[in-house]
């Protein structure tokens, strides 16, 4: 990716908290309340990013949705629950039943750069997307991270096929740019999903008795690729339940309980001075990593959710970065309060190496917005000079409230600068160019 970081000394070490959730939802509609799954009932407010990976999402279009960007109820309900807490959808990727959603606090958006997504089909020999992987990668405060949501083949006899499919996903997923072109090239990789790991060589009654007695020594011995780590499984197997209950499968198939739903992570290994990392030893370097540290705070399931034959699993991690790139590419200056048209002036300044475009725009967002197109109005970011540039709103939004301004980069497809919240106190309506910013080149070209 282009070297877009400002030429300033990075800030010292910092911590970012990431909350990852995986759930095979079994084509079910979202439950009425996902507050506990998101941890919003016990949250200390320190979570910086939510990463939600779902499998077997119903492909039926949600007729109630007004926004054509999102055609599933799961995306909608996650945005509805998280946006009041200041989380904005950074990116999403869908491949049939696989869905990956990445949320971050709105004030982190300028420091999530180089966002790209990938999909890999492995079903029916690579022709069908019911199995496979979807990923999102980005630079977070200057450190590369990849989130990979997978749905691997089922059944106990398919252990080798699961690993072959995972290797295929790793090989096929390639990203554009100068660094971190493959999944394992990132400083940190989080691998999660319905990995379909199974418990081998144990009788059903032995498994159920161990579960009843909270003895989880029977964890599967399926091979996990060298270099990936996982916390201890201190919760019951998350599959397979009778839908609507906490009872393991009583159908004729009587599937053996298994920890199919997992969250793992991997730190990028770096070769020692004068040495090389051989292909056969990938990830096996003795503790030499990229400098980012990962601490897992908890790893748990949620028995209270019964809409699927799987239980959801979540984990919270702290990422300790050795340094932090926290200078925005665009700085926006705005008054603390807009009471009238003369107040509605936006000033912004670009860093010298910022790849500006004539299709960049500044959006006016109500605090609690859901994604970058959830604006109340916008103005085009005109390019006259590389100094503080002025943009004036013709009229102000109807009703009072707290708002922020965000500068959207057409070249980078992301918000690269935001303001602190400010108040608009007015009853006037916003008048703006109604052409869509993201399609302006097509409309005006």
Protein backbone atom coordinates (compact mmCIF):
# COMPACT_ATOMS: atom_id res chain seq x y z
CA UNK A 1 0.00 0.00 0.00
CA UNK A 2 1.26 3.52 -0.58
CA UNK A 3 3.25 5.07 2.19
CA UNK A 4 0.70 7.57 3.41
CA UNK A 5 1.82 8.02 7.00
CA UNK A 6 2.68 11.59 7.97
CA UNK A 7 6.37 12.32 8.33
CA UNK A 8 6.24 12.75 12.09
CA UNK A 9 7.52 10.74 15.00
CA UNK A 10 4.94 8.10 15.99
CA UNK A 11 3.43 8.15 19.44
CA UNK A 12 4.74 5.69 22.04
CA UNK A 13 3.20 2.29 22.79
CA UNK A 14 -0.56 2.10 23.13
CA UNK A 15 -3.31 -0.46 23.71
CA UNK A 16 -6.37 -1.19 21.58
CA UNK A 17 -9.18 -3.48 22.70
CA UNK A 18 -10.79 -5.76 20.11
CA UNK A 19 -13.99 -7.74 20.70
CA UNK A 20 -14.42 -10.70 18.31
CA UNK A 21 -17.65 -12.68 17.93
CA UNK A 22 -18.31 -15.80 15.85
CA UNK A 23 -21.67 -17.49 15.40
CA UNK A 24 -23.14 -20.01 12.99
CA UNK A 25 -26.69 -18.59 12.98
CA UNK A 26 -28.22 -21.50 11.09
CA UNK A 27 -30.30 -19.29 8.74
CA UNK A 28 -32.18 -17.89 11.74
CA UNK A 29 -33.34 -14.32 12.09
CA UNK A 30 -31.56 -12.27 14.76
CA UNK A 31 -32.87 -12.71 18.32
CA UNK A 32 -34.74 -9.82 19.91
CA UNK A 33 -31.77 -8.73 21.99
CA UNK A 34 -28.04 -9.19 21.35
CA UNK A 35 -26.96 -6.84 24.14
CA UNK A 36 -25.23 -9.51 26.22
CA UNK A 37 -23.49 -11.02 23.18
CA UNK A 38 -22.01 -7.62 22.38
CA UNK A 39 -21.13 -7.11 26.04
CA UNK A 40 -22.97 -3.80 26.09
CA UNK A 41 -24.59 -4.65 29.43
CA UNK A 42 -21.22 -5.02 31.17
CA UNK A 43 -19.02 -2.91 28.89
CA UNK A 44 -16.49 -0.60 30.47
CA UNK A 45 -16.49 1.45 27.29
CA UNK A 46 -12.92 0.46 26.47
CA UNK A 47 -13.69 -1.66 23.41
CA UNK A 48 -12.19 0.03 20.35
CA UNK A 49 -13.29 -2.40 17.63
CA UNK A 50 -15.97 -5.06 17.19
CA UNK A 51 -15.33 -7.84 14.68
CA UNK A 52 -18.40 -10.00 14.00
CA UNK A 53 -18.11 -13.17 11.90
CA UNK A 54 -21.29 -15.06 11.07
CA UNK A 55 -21.90 -18.26 9.14
CA UNK A 56 -25.07 -19.58 7.46
CA UNK A 57 -26.70 -16.16 7.28
CA UNK A 58 -30.03 -16.39 5.45
CA UNK A 59 -29.62 -15.10 1.90
CA UNK A 60 -33.21 -13.86 1.70
CA UNK A 61 -33.30 -10.13 1.03
CA UNK A 62 -34.68 -8.18 3.95
CA UNK A 63 -37.62 -6.30 2.45
CA UNK A 64 -37.76 -3.90 5.42
CA UNK A 65 -34.35 -2.42 4.70
CA UNK A 66 -34.38 1.05 3.21
CA UNK A 67 -30.63 1.15 2.56
CA UNK A 68 -29.72 -0.98 -0.43
CA UNK A 69 -26.15 -1.29 0.84
CA UNK A 70 -27.23 -3.88 3.39
CA UNK A 71 -29.58 -6.71 2.48
CA UNK A 72 -29.52 -8.78 5.64
CA UNK A 73 -31.07 -8.33 9.04
CA UNK A 74 -27.88 -9.25 10.89
CA UNK A 75 -25.97 -6.25 9.54
CA UNK A 76 -28.93 -4.07 10.35
CA UNK A 77 -29.35 -5.26 13.94
CA UNK A 78 -25.60 -5.00 14.67
CA UNK A 79 -25.52 -1.42 13.37
CA UNK A 80 -28.67 -0.55 15.31
CA UNK A 81 -27.21 -1.83 18.58
CA UNK A 82 -23.65 -0.51 18.18
CA UNK A 83 -24.14 2.92 16.58
CA UNK A 84 -25.63 4.54 19.74
CA UNK A 85 -22.35 3.69 21.48
CA UNK A 86 -20.26 5.45 18.84
CA UNK A 87 -19.33 2.43 16.69
CA UNK A 88 -19.33 2.86 12.92
CA UNK A 89 -19.24 0.09 10.31
CA UNK A 90 -15.74 0.29 8.80
CA UNK A 91 -16.23 -2.45 6.22
CA UNK A 92 -18.25 -5.58 5.57
CA UNK A 93 -17.88 -8.60 3.31
CA UNK A 94 -20.51 -11.17 2.37
CA UNK A 95 -20.13 -14.47 0.52
CA UNK A 96 -23.41 -16.38 0.50
CA UNK A 97 -23.91 -17.36 4.15
CA UNK A 98 -20.57 -15.98 5.37
CA UNK A 99 -20.68 -12.43 6.71
CA UNK A 100 -17.90 -10.34 8.24
CA UNK A 101 -18.59 -6.97 9.90
CA UNK A 102 -15.88 -4.63 11.22
CA UNK A 103 -16.89 -1.78 13.55
CA UNK A 104 -14.74 0.86 15.23
CA UNK A 105 -15.25 3.92 17.39
CA UNK A 106 -15.82 6.83 15.02
CA UNK A 107 -12.75 8.73 16.24
CA UNK A 108 -10.52 5.78 15.25
CA UNK A 109 -11.66 5.89 11.60
CA UNK A 110 -8.82 8.16 10.37
CA UNK A 111 -6.26 5.64 11.63
CA UNK A 112 -7.76 2.55 9.96
CA UNK A 113 -6.12 2.65 6.54
CA UNK A 114 -5.63 0.39 3.55
CA UNK A 115 -8.92 -1.40 4.21
CA UNK A 116 -9.42 -4.33 1.82
CA UNK A 117 -11.61 -7.42 1.81
CA UNK A 118 -11.30 -10.82 0.14
CA UNK A 119 -13.45 -13.92 -0.40
CA UNK A 120 -12.49 -17.51 -1.16
CA UNK A 121 -14.95 -20.26 -2.09
CA UNK A 122 -14.02 -23.82 -1.15
CA UNK A 123 -17.42 -25.55 -1.47
CA UNK A 124 -17.80 -27.99 -4.40
CA UNK A 125 -14.10 -27.80 -5.16
CA UNK A 126 -14.05 -24.00 -5.12
CA UNK A 127 -17.21 -23.33 -7.14
CA UNK A 128 -19.66 -22.78 -4.28
CA UNK A 129 -19.47 -20.23 -1.49
CA UNK A 130 -21.32 -22.16 1.22
CA UNK A 131 -17.87 -22.98 2.60
CA UNK A 132 -14.72 -20.91 2.51
CA UNK A 133 -13.41 -17.69 4.01
CA UNK A 134 -14.07 -13.94 4.00
CA UNK A 135 -11.49 -11.53 5.32
CA UNK A 136 -10.85 -7.88 6.03
CA UNK A 137 -7.39 -6.39 6.39
CA UNK A 138 -6.25 -2.93 7.37
CA UNK A 139 -3.53 -0.91 9.01
CA UNK A 140 -4.57 0.00 12.57
CA UNK A 141 -2.50 2.91 13.94
CA UNK A 142 0.32 1.80 11.65
CA UNK A 143 0.14 -1.96 12.34
CA UNK A 144 -1.28 -4.47 9.86
CA UNK A 145 -4.12 -6.73 11.03
CA UNK A 146 -6.17 -9.32 9.16
CA UNK A 147 -9.51 -10.74 10.34
CA UNK A 148 -10.46 -14.05 8.70
CA UNK A 149 -13.92 -15.61 9.12
CA UNK A 150 -14.12 -19.21 7.87
CA UNK A 151 -16.69 -21.96 7.48
CA UNK A 152 -14.78 -25.22 6.98
CA UNK A 153 -16.07 -28.68 5.96
CA UNK A 154 -18.14 -30.62 8.51
CA UNK A 155 -17.96 -34.19 9.86
CA UNK A 156 -15.27 -36.03 11.80
CA UNK A 157 -13.75 -37.78 8.80
CA UNK A 158 -12.95 -34.47 7.07
CA UNK A 159 -10.08 -33.33 9.31
CA UNK A 160 -7.57 -33.36 6.45
CA UNK A 161 -10.01 -31.57 4.14
CA UNK A 162 -10.47 -28.81 6.72
CA UNK A 163 -6.76 -28.14 6.81
CA UNK A 164 -6.47 -28.33 3.02
CA UNK A 165 -9.26 -25.80 2.64
CA UNK A 166 -7.65 -23.50 5.17
CA UNK A 167 -4.34 -23.67 3.33
CA UNK A 168 -6.19 -22.96 0.09
CA UNK A 169 -7.84 -19.89 1.62
CA UNK A 170 -4.45 -18.62 2.82
CA UNK A 171 -2.90 -19.13 -0.63
CA UNK A 172 -5.74 -17.55 -2.60
CA UNK A 173 -6.32 -14.48 -0.44
CA UNK A 174 -3.92 -11.85 -1.70
CA UNK A 175 -4.17 -8.11 -1.06
CA UNK A 176 -2.89 -5.16 -3.06
CA UNK A 177 0.04 -3.13 -1.80
CA UNK A 178 3.69 -3.26 -0.94
CA UNK A 179 3.32 -4.94 2.43
CA UNK A 180 1.11 -7.66 3.90
CA UNK A 181 0.01 -9.10 0.55
CA UNK A 182 -0.96 -12.46 2.08
CA UNK A 183 -2.97 -13.23 5.21
CA UNK A 184 0.06 -14.43 7.18
CA UNK A 185 2.12 -11.35 6.23
CA UNK A 186 0.12 -9.22 8.69
CA UNK A 187 1.45 -8.30 12.11
CA UNK A 188 -1.58 -9.99 13.71
CA UNK A 189 -4.09 -12.44 12.21
CA UNK A 190 -7.34 -13.36 13.92
CA UNK A 191 -8.81 -16.60 12.53
CA UNK A 192 -12.31 -17.51 13.63
CA UNK A 193 -15.58 -19.04 12.51
CA UNK A 194 -17.25 -22.43 12.28
CA UNK A 195 -14.00 -24.32 11.89
CA UNK A 196 -15.87 -27.61 12.41
CA UNK A 197 -13.20 -29.13 14.62
CA UNK A 198 -14.56 -32.37 16.07
CA UNK A 199 -13.95 -34.64 19.07
CA UNK A 200 -12.51 -37.96 17.87
CA UNK A 201 -12.28 -41.42 19.40
CA UNK A 202 -14.67 -40.91 22.30
CA UNK A 203 -18.06 -42.49 22.88
CA UNK A 204 -21.07 -40.14 22.94
CA UNK A 205 -21.86 -40.97 26.59
CA UNK A 206 -18.27 -40.22 27.66
CA UNK A 207 -18.45 -36.85 25.94
CA UNK A 208 -21.82 -35.92 27.46
CA UNK A 209 -20.76 -37.07 30.93
CA UNK A 210 -17.61 -34.92 30.76
CA UNK A 211 -19.67 -31.92 29.65
CA UNK A 212 -22.16 -32.43 32.49
CA UNK A 213 -19.27 -32.42 34.96
CA UNK A 214 -17.57 -29.38 33.42
CA UNK A 215 -14.54 -31.44 32.51
CA UNK A 216 -13.28 -30.19 29.21
CA UNK A 217 -10.15 -32.29 28.90
CA UNK A 218 -11.69 -33.90 25.83
CA UNK A 219 -10.80 -30.98 23.60
CA UNK A 220 -10.24 -32.16 20.06
CA UNK A 221 -6.74 -33.07 19.00
CA UNK A 222 -7.23 -31.77 15.47
CA UNK A 223 -4.11 -30.20 14.05
CA UNK A 224 -4.09 -26.42 14.08
CA UNK A 225 -1.59 -24.74 11.81
CA UNK A 226 1.65 -24.05 13.56
CA UNK A 227 1.92 -20.51 14.84
CA UNK A 228 -1.76 -20.01 15.74
CA UNK A 229 -2.67 -19.69 19.40
CA UNK A 230 -5.91 -20.29 21.26
CA UNK A 231 -7.05 -19.68 24.81
CA UNK A 232 -8.30 -22.54 27.02
CA UNK A 233 -11.78 -23.86 26.21
CA UNK A 234 -13.55 -23.44 29.53
CA UNK A 235 -17.03 -23.59 28.06
CA UNK A 236 -19.22 -26.44 26.82
CA UNK A 237 -19.05 -27.51 23.18
CA UNK A 238 -21.07 -25.07 21.10
CA UNK A 239 -22.56 -27.62 18.66
CA UNK A 240 -25.00 -29.31 18.08
CA UNK A 241 -28.12 -28.21 19.97
CA UNK A 242 -31.80 -28.72 19.32
CA UNK A 243 -32.94 -25.30 18.10
CA UNK A 244 -34.74 -23.37 20.83
CA UNK A 245 -33.08 -25.32 23.65
CA UNK A 246 -29.82 -25.96 25.49
CA UNK A 247 -30.15 -29.70 24.81
CA UNK A 248 -27.58 -31.44 22.64
CA UNK A 249 -28.85 -33.09 19.46
CA UNK A 250 -31.68 -35.56 20.05
CA UNK A 251 -32.45 -36.08 16.36
CA UNK A 252 -31.85 -39.36 14.60
CA UNK A 253 -28.35 -38.21 13.60
CA UNK A 254 -27.37 -37.60 17.26
CA UNK A 255 -24.36 -35.49 16.38
CA UNK A 256 -21.58 -35.71 18.93
CA UNK A 257 -21.07 -32.35 20.74
CA UNK A 258 -18.05 -30.46 19.47
CA UNK A 259 -16.21 -27.16 19.78
CA UNK A 260 -16.79 -26.19 16.17
CA UNK A 261 -16.86 -22.43 16.81
CA UNK A 262 -13.44 -21.03 17.61
CA UNK A 263 -11.32 -17.87 17.78
CA UNK A 264 -7.56 -18.12 17.28
CA UNK A 265 -4.79 -15.63 16.65
CA UNK A 266 -1.28 -15.50 15.27
CA UNK A 267 1.57 -13.02 15.52
CA UNK A 268 3.73 -12.57 12.47
CA UNK A 269 7.08 -14.20 12.91
CA UNK A 270 10.20 -12.34 11.85
CA UNK A 271 13.43 -14.01 10.89
CA UNK A 272 16.47 -13.44 13.11
CA UNK A 273 19.32 -11.32 11.81
CA UNK A 274 21.27 -13.20 9.17
CA UNK A 275 18.73 -16.02 9.09
CA UNK A 276 15.86 -16.95 6.84
CA UNK A 277 12.43 -18.29 7.59
CA UNK A 278 12.04 -21.57 5.76
CA UNK A 279 8.71 -22.48 4.17
CA UNK A 280 8.48 -25.64 6.23
CA UNK A 281 8.84 -23.75 9.51
CA UNK A 282 6.30 -21.02 8.95
CA UNK A 283 5.30 -19.37 12.19
CA UNK A 284 7.66 -21.45 14.32
CA UNK A 285 10.26 -18.84 15.16
CA UNK A 286 11.19 -18.77 18.81
CA UNK A 287 9.19 -15.87 20.08
CA UNK A 288 10.40 -13.36 17.52
CA UNK A 289 7.38 -11.35 16.40
CA UNK A 290 6.46 -8.02 14.88
CA UNK A 291 6.50 -6.26 18.25
CA UNK A 292 2.73 -6.22 18.77
CA UNK A 293 1.55 -8.13 21.85
CA UNK A 294 -1.83 -9.86 22.11
CA UNK A 295 -3.51 -10.49 25.46
CA UNK A 296 -6.76 -12.46 25.67
CA UNK A 297 -9.07 -11.35 28.48
CA UNK A 298 -11.81 -13.91 28.09
CA UNK A 299 -13.06 -16.62 25.75
CA UNK A 300 -16.64 -17.74 26.29
CA UNK A 301 -19.89 -18.97 24.79
CA UNK A 302 -23.46 -17.75 25.32
CA UNK A 303 -25.91 -20.49 26.22
CA UNK A 304 -28.86 -18.07 26.38
CA UNK A 305 -29.05 -17.76 22.59
CA UNK A 306 -31.14 -20.60 21.18
CA UNK A 307 -32.18 -19.48 17.66
CA UNK A 308 -29.48 -21.68 16.08
CA UNK A 309 -28.09 -25.18 16.61
CA UNK A 310 -24.78 -23.46 17.44
CA UNK A 311 -23.99 -21.17 20.39
CA UNK A 312 -22.15 -17.92 19.73
CA UNK A 313 -18.59 -17.49 21.00
CA UNK A 314 -16.75 -14.27 21.77
CA UNK A 315 -13.38 -13.12 23.00
CA UNK A 316 -11.85 -9.80 24.00
CA UNK A 317 -8.22 -9.04 23.25
CA UNK A 318 -5.89 -6.17 24.01
CA UNK A 319 -3.39 -5.38 21.27
CA UNK A 320 -0.34 -3.63 22.64
CA UNK A 321 1.38 -1.73 19.84
CA UNK A 322 5.05 -0.73 20.17
CA UNK A 323 4.19 2.65 18.63
CA UNK A 324 1.09 4.41 17.36
CA UNK A 325 0.60 6.37 14.12
CA UNK A 326 -2.07 8.82 15.24
CA UNK A 327 -1.68 11.91 13.04
CA UNK A 328 -4.68 12.18 10.69
CA UNK A 329 -4.18 12.64 6.95
CA UNK A 330 -6.80 15.41 7.04
CA UNK A 331 -7.33 17.82 9.92
CA UNK A 332 -10.77 19.45 10.10
CA UNK A 333 -11.41 22.63 12.08
CA UNK A 334 -14.96 23.62 12.98
CA UNK A 335 -16.69 25.92 15.47
CA UNK A 336 -17.97 24.36 18.72
CA UNK A 337 -21.48 25.48 17.87
CA UNK A 338 -23.48 26.28 14.76
CA UNK A 339 -26.34 28.72 15.41
CA UNK A 340 -26.64 30.31 11.98
CA UNK A 341 -25.38 30.04 8.41
CA UNK A 342 -22.25 32.19 9.03
CA UNK A 343 -21.14 29.65 11.67
CA UNK A 344 -21.28 26.76 9.20
CA UNK A 345 -17.76 27.05 7.88
CA UNK A 346 -15.44 24.07 7.62
CA UNK A 347 -11.68 24.45 7.42
CA UNK A 348 -9.44 21.51 6.64
CA UNK A 349 -5.79 20.87 6.00
CA UNK A 350 -4.22 17.92 4.20
CA UNK A 351 -0.87 16.32 4.93
CA UNK A 352 1.58 16.83 2.04
CA UNK A 353 1.51 13.15 1.00
CA UNK A 354 -2.26 12.77 1.05
CA UNK A 355 -3.64 11.39 -2.30
CA UNK A 356 -6.41 13.93 -2.77
CA UNK A 357 -9.16 13.57 -5.35
CA UNK A 358 -11.70 15.92 -6.91
CA UNK A 359 -14.38 13.51 -5.67
CA UNK A 360 -13.46 13.81 -1.98
CA UNK A 361 -16.27 15.12 0.20
CA UNK A 362 -16.99 16.22 3.74
CA UNK A 363 -20.03 14.63 5.34
CA UNK A 364 -22.11 16.06 8.16
CA UNK A 365 -23.04 13.19 10.48
CA UNK A 366 -25.34 13.05 13.45
CA UNK A 367 -23.52 11.52 16.44
CA UNK A 368 -24.45 7.83 16.41
CA UNK A 369 -24.18 7.41 12.62
CA UNK A 370 -23.92 3.85 11.28
CA UNK A 371 -21.60 3.97 8.27
CA UNK A 372 -19.88 6.47 5.98
CA UNK A 373 -22.96 7.05 3.80
CA UNK A 374 -25.23 7.68 6.79
CA UNK A 375 -24.81 11.46 6.46
CA UNK A 376 -27.36 14.25 6.80
CA UNK A 377 -25.59 16.28 4.15
CA UNK A 378 -22.21 16.88 2.56
CA UNK A 379 -20.15 19.34 0.57
CA UNK A 380 -17.48 18.56 -2.00
CA UNK A 381 -13.94 19.10 -0.74
CA UNK A 382 -12.76 21.60 -3.33
CA UNK A 383 -9.07 21.67 -4.28
CA UNK A 384 -7.71 25.12 -4.69
CA UNK A 385 -4.63 25.18 -2.51
CA UNK A 386 -2.82 23.09 0.06
CA UNK A 387 -3.61 25.37 2.96
CA UNK A 388 -6.64 25.59 5.21
CA UNK A 389 -9.54 25.34 2.77
CA UNK A 390 -12.98 26.74 3.50
CA UNK A 391 -16.28 25.02 2.74
CA UNK A 392 -19.59 26.66 3.58
CA UNK A 393 -22.93 24.98 4.19
CA UNK A 394 -25.76 26.69 2.32
CA UNK A 395 -28.29 25.75 4.99
CA UNK A 396 -28.19 23.83 8.26
CA UNK A 397 -29.79 20.53 9.28
CA UNK A 398 -33.30 20.52 10.64
CA UNK A 399 -33.46 20.24 14.41
CA UNK A 400 -30.75 20.60 17.01
CA UNK A 401 -28.26 17.97 18.08
CA UNK A 402 -24.68 16.79 18.24
CA UNK A 403 -22.88 16.33 14.93
CA UNK A 404 -19.43 15.55 13.60
CA UNK A 405 -17.78 16.22 10.25
CA UNK A 406 -15.92 13.50 8.40
CA UNK A 407 -13.66 13.88 5.38
CA UNK A 408 -14.19 10.96 2.96
CA UNK A 409 -11.30 10.08 0.64
CA UNK A 410 -12.43 8.76 -2.73
CA UNK A 411 -9.01 7.23 -3.44
CA UNK A 412 -8.78 5.47 -0.08
CA UNK A 413 -12.52 4.66 0.19
CA UNK A 414 -12.62 5.60 3.84
CA UNK A 415 -13.04 8.49 6.24
CA UNK A 416 -9.59 9.98 6.85
CA UNK A 417 -10.42 12.88 9.15
CA UNK A 418 -13.11 13.62 11.76
CA UNK A 419 -13.97 16.40 14.17
CA UNK A 420 -14.94 16.28 17.79
CA UNK A 421 -18.74 16.46 18.27
CA UNK A 422 -20.18 19.96 18.00
CA UNK A 423 -23.69 21.33 18.44
CA UNK A 424 -26.04 22.53 15.76
CA UNK A 425 -28.86 24.68 17.13
CA UNK A 426 -31.26 25.53 14.32
CA UNK A 427 -34.54 24.65 12.69
CA UNK A 428 -33.43 25.13 9.09
CA UNK A 429 -33.15 22.32 6.53
CA UNK A 430 -29.97 21.28 4.78
CA UNK A 431 -29.64 22.04 1.10
CA UNK A 432 -26.88 20.14 -0.63
CA UNK A 433 -25.97 18.56 -3.97
CA UNK A 434 -28.14 15.42 -4.01
CA UNK A 435 -25.89 13.41 -6.33
CA UNK A 436 -24.28 10.53 -4.50
CA UNK A 437 -20.65 11.27 -3.60
CA UNK A 438 -19.44 7.75 -4.33
CA UNK A 439 -20.96 7.78 -7.81
CA UNK A 440 -20.16 11.38 -8.70
CA UNK A 441 -17.57 10.45 -11.31
CA UNK A 442 -20.19 8.42 -13.15
CA UNK A 443 -22.85 11.12 -12.85
CA UNK A 444 -20.63 13.98 -13.94
CA UNK A 445 -18.00 12.26 -16.05
